[in-house]
Amino acid sequence: MSAAVVVYGIAHCDTVGRARSWLESQGVAHRFHDFKKSGVPPERLDAWIAALGWEPLVNRRGTTWRRLDEAARGRVVDPASARARMLALPSVIKRPVVEWPPGEVSVGFEETRFASRVAALRT
């Protein structure tokens, strides 16, 4: 594998930790981008929205989303409003967001999906 996988998320997120540990256990080179330390790269967020749509990126089950008042949650209705909320509150982004060579994107961690992607990288 020549190009590294990029994992975006928050260091203390359990799901991000499981994903990173799984990649390491499989010998998959990857780089980690911590939203808390480095922010959300706006151009990458735009690419994720273009690839996946905005809905899968908004973590409506997370604590940050649930702590928002009803009016704030109600204003997230389209790509522009979701983008603004995710840039302002990176914790509302479902994690991890993973960029796989050659440019595919996934959200969340599910071992079987990761295994399929890693197998494709190795072929």
C-alpha atoms as a PDB file:
ATOM      1  CA  MET A   1       0.000   0.000   0.000  1.00  0.00           C
ATOM      2  CA  SER A   2       1.643   3.203  -1.109  1.00  0.00           C
ATOM      3  CA  ALA A   3      -0.896   5.809   0.020  1.00  0.00           C
ATOM      4  CA  ALA A   4      -1.787   5.976   3.683  1.00  0.00           C
ATOM      5  CA  VAL A   5      -5.280   5.854   5.071  1.00  0.00           C
ATOM      6  CA  VAL A   6      -6.310   9.034   6.904  1.00  0.00           C
ATOM      7  CA  VAL A   7      -8.476   8.687  10.013  1.00  0.00           C
ATOM      8  CA  TYR A   8     -10.289  11.830  11.177  1.00  0.00           C
ATOM      9  CA  GLY A   9     -11.873  12.081  14.593  1.00  0.00           C
ATOM     10  CA  ILE A  10     -11.307  12.830  18.242  1.00  0.00           C
ATOM     11  CA  ALA A  11      -8.538  11.090  20.174  1.00  0.00           C
ATOM     12  CA  HIS A  12     -10.666  10.183  23.205  1.00  0.00           C
ATOM     13  CA  CYS A  13     -13.560   8.777  21.113  1.00  0.00           C
ATOM     14  CA  ASP A  14     -13.941   5.040  21.783  1.00  0.00           C
ATOM     15  CA  THR A  15     -15.021   4.281  18.215  1.00  0.00           C
ATOM     16  CA  VAL A  16     -12.031   6.142  16.780  1.00  0.00           C
ATOM     17  CA  GLY A  17      -9.781   4.228  19.170  1.00  0.00           C
ATOM     18  CA  ARG A  18     -11.240   0.885  18.069  1.00  0.00           C
ATOM     19  CA  ALA A  19     -10.819   1.800  14.401  1.00  0.00           C
ATOM     20  CA  ARG A  20      -7.221   2.916  14.860  1.00  0.00           C
ATOM     21  CA  SER A  21      -6.353  -0.173  16.904  1.00  0.00           C
ATOM     22  CA  TRP A  22      -7.928  -2.419  14.284  1.00  0.00           C
ATOM     23  CA  LEU A  23      -5.964  -0.741  11.478  1.00  0.00           C
ATOM     24  CA  GLU A  24      -2.749  -1.103  13.481  1.00  0.00           C
ATOM     25  CA  SER A  25      -3.474  -4.776  14.159  1.00  0.00           C
ATOM     26  CA  GLN A  26      -3.859  -5.300  10.414  1.00  0.00           C
ATOM     27  CA  GLY A  27      -0.612  -3.500   9.623  1.00  0.00           C
ATOM     28  CA  VAL A  28      -2.395  -0.684   7.773  1.00  0.00           C
ATOM     29  CA  ALA A  29      -0.382   2.530   7.614  1.00  0.00           C
ATOM     30  CA  HIS A  30      -2.552   5.476   8.565  1.00  0.00           C
ATOM     31  CA  ARG A  31      -2.378   9.055   9.696  1.00  0.00           C
ATOM     32  CA  PHE A  32      -4.650  10.444  12.419  1.00  0.00           C
ATOM     33  CA  HIS A  33      -6.163  13.931  12.243  1.00  0.00           C
ATOM     34  CA  ASP A  34      -7.583  15.058  15.600  1.00  0.00           C
ATOM     35  CA  PHE A  35     -10.503  17.474  15.219  1.00  0.00           C
ATOM     36  CA  LYS A  36      -9.896  18.862  18.714  1.00  0.00           C
ATOM     37  CA  LYS A  37      -6.238  19.714  18.072  1.00  0.00           C
ATOM     38  CA  SER A  38      -6.251  20.553  14.366  1.00  0.00           C
ATOM     39  CA  GLY A  39      -9.859  21.454  13.624  1.00  0.00           C
ATOM     40  CA  VAL A  40     -12.027  20.231  10.797  1.00  0.00           C
ATOM     41  CA  PRO A  41     -10.426  20.925   7.422  1.00  0.00           C
ATOM     42  CA  PRO A  42     -13.201  22.775   5.525  1.00  0.00           C
ATOM     43  CA  GLU A  43     -12.104  21.444   2.144  1.00  0.00           C
ATOM     44  CA  ARG A  44     -12.155  17.854   3.428  1.00  0.00           C
ATOM     45  CA  LEU A  45     -15.605  18.385   4.983  1.00  0.00           C
ATOM     46  CA  ASP A  46     -16.829  19.661   1.612  1.00  0.00           C
ATOM     47  CA  ALA A  47     -15.422  16.533  -0.063  1.00  0.00           C
ATOM     48  CA  TRP A  48     -17.113  14.254   2.504  1.00  0.00           C
ATOM     49  CA  ILE A  49     -20.453  15.988   2.015  1.00  0.00           C
ATOM     50  CA  ALA A  50     -20.057  15.655  -1.764  1.00  0.00           C
ATOM     51  CA  ALA A  51     -19.186  11.953  -1.462  1.00  0.00           C
ATOM     52  CA  LEU A  52     -21.655  10.861   1.222  1.00  0.00           C
ATOM     53  CA  GLY A  53     -24.243  13.592   1.669  1.00  0.00           C
ATOM     54  CA  TRP A  54     -24.503  15.548   4.900  1.00  0.00           C
ATOM     55  CA  GLU A  55     -26.896  13.276   6.803  1.00  0.00           C
ATOM     56  CA  PRO A  56     -24.473  10.379   7.471  1.00  0.00           C
ATOM     57  CA  LEU A  57     -21.914  12.841   8.828  1.00  0.00           C
ATOM     58  CA  VAL A  58     -24.157  14.321  11.526  1.00  0.00           C
ATOM     59  CA  ASN A  59     -24.056  12.218  14.687  1.00  0.00           C
ATOM     60  CA  ARG A  60     -27.570  12.632  16.030  1.00  0.00           C
ATOM     61  CA  ARG A  61     -26.955   9.991  18.710  1.00  0.00           C
ATOM     62  CA  GLY A  62     -24.005  11.746  20.313  1.00  0.00           C
ATOM     63  CA  THR A  63     -23.955  13.784  23.473  1.00  0.00           C
ATOM     64  CA  THR A  64     -23.062  17.029  21.701  1.00  0.00           C
ATOM     65  CA  TRP A  65     -26.096  16.794  19.406  1.00  0.00           C
ATOM     66  CA  ARG A  66     -28.429  15.900  22.261  1.00  0.00           C
ATOM     67  CA  ARG A  67     -27.164  18.857  24.295  1.00  0.00           C
ATOM     68  CA  LEU A  68     -28.092  21.299  21.538  1.00  0.00           C
ATOM     69  CA  ASP A  69     -31.429  22.960  22.086  1.00  0.00           C
ATOM     70  CA  GLU A  70     -34.300  21.949  19.829  1.00  0.00           C
ATOM     71  CA  ALA A  71     -34.048  25.164  17.795  1.00  0.00           C
ATOM     72  CA  ALA A  72     -30.348  24.602  17.043  1.00  0.00           C
ATOM     73  CA  ARG A  73     -30.996  20.999  16.000  1.00  0.00           C
ATOM     74  CA  GLY A  74     -33.913  22.159  13.871  1.00  0.00           C
ATOM     75  CA  ARG A  75     -31.703  24.550  11.920  1.00  0.00           C
ATOM     76  CA  VAL A  76     -29.600  21.674  10.522  1.00  0.00           C
ATOM     77  CA  VAL A  77     -31.669  21.013   7.424  1.00  0.00           C
ATOM     78  CA  ASP A  78     -29.378  21.009   4.395  1.00  0.00           C
ATOM     79  CA  PRO A  79     -25.711  20.725   3.379  1.00  0.00           C
ATOM     80  CA  ALA A  80     -24.920  24.380   4.156  1.00  0.00           C
ATOM     81  CA  SER A  81     -26.466  24.389   7.630  1.00  0.00           C
ATOM     82  CA  ALA A  82     -24.955  20.985   8.468  1.00  0.00           C
ATOM     83  CA  ARG A  83     -21.532  22.156   7.275  1.00  0.00           C
ATOM     84  CA  ALA A  84     -21.718  25.272   9.448  1.00  0.00           C
ATOM     85  CA  ARG A  85     -22.710  23.231  12.528  1.00  0.00           C
ATOM     86  CA  MET A  86     -19.977  20.627  11.941  1.00  0.00           C
ATOM     87  CA  LEU A  87     -17.301  23.309  11.528  1.00  0.00           C
ATOM     88  CA  ALA A  88     -18.494  25.080  14.687  1.00  0.00           C
ATOM     89  CA  LEU A  89     -18.904  21.877  16.735  1.00  0.00           C
ATOM     90  CA  PRO A  90     -16.655  19.099  15.399  1.00  0.00           C
ATOM     91  CA  SER A  91     -18.049  16.738  18.037  1.00  0.00           C
ATOM     92  CA  VAL A  92     -21.295  16.494  16.054  1.00  0.00           C
ATOM     93  CA  ILE A  93     -19.445  14.737  13.231  1.00  0.00           C
ATOM     94  CA  LYS A  94     -19.952  10.978  13.297  1.00  0.00           C
ATOM     95  CA  ARG A  95     -16.612   9.294  13.820  1.00  0.00           C
ATOM     96  CA  PRO A  96     -14.310   8.175  12.496  1.00  0.00           C
ATOM     97  CA  VAL A  97     -14.329   9.634   9.018  1.00  0.00           C
ATOM     98  CA  VAL A  98     -11.808   7.628   7.023  1.00  0.00           C
ATOM     99  CA  GLU A  99     -10.296   8.516   3.678  1.00  0.00           C
ATOM    100  CA  TRP A 100      -9.206   5.373   1.860  1.00  0.00           C
ATOM    101  CA  PRO A 101      -6.963   5.294  -1.173  1.00  0.00           C
ATOM    102  CA  PRO A 102      -7.846   5.991  -3.968  1.00  0.00           C
ATOM    103  CA  GLY A 103     -10.225   8.618  -2.583  1.00  0.00           C
ATOM    104  CA  GLU A 104     -13.125   6.706  -1.048  1.00  0.00           C
ATOM    105  CA  VAL A 105     -14.643   7.896   2.234  1.00  0.00           C
ATOM    106  CA  SER A 106     -16.379   6.020   5.037  1.00  0.00           C
ATOM    107  CA  VAL A 107     -17.987   7.073   8.305  1.00  0.00           C
ATOM    108  CA  GLY A 108     -18.070   5.010  11.489  1.00  0.00           C
ATOM    109  CA  PHE A 109     -16.290   1.781  12.327  1.00  0.00           C
ATOM    110  CA  GLU A 110     -17.542  -1.634  11.391  1.00  0.00           C
ATOM    111  CA  GLU A 111     -14.880  -4.323  11.263  1.00  0.00           C
ATOM    112  CA  THR A 112     -16.321  -6.180   8.279  1.00  0.00           C
ATOM    113  CA  ARG A 113     -16.473  -3.016   6.160  1.00  0.00           C
ATOM    114  CA  PHE A 114     -12.938  -2.066   7.163  1.00  0.00           C
ATOM    115  CA  ALA A 115     -11.732  -5.588   6.332  1.00  0.00           C
ATOM    116  CA  SER A 116     -13.276  -5.319   2.854  1.00  0.00           C
ATOM    117  CA  ARG A 117     -11.607  -1.978   2.218  1.00  0.00           C
ATOM    118  CA  VAL A 118      -8.246  -3.199   3.468  1.00  0.00           C
ATOM    119  CA  ALA A 119      -8.509  -6.308   1.291  1.00  0.00           C
ATOM    120  CA  ALA A 120      -9.177  -4.063  -1.720  1.00  0.00           C
ATOM    121  CA  LEU A 121      -6.105  -1.981  -0.870  1.00  0.00           C
ATOM    122  CA  ARG A 122      -3.925  -5.055  -0.826  1.00  0.00           C
ATOM    123  CA  THR A 123      -4.984  -6.355  -4.228  1.00  0.00           C
END
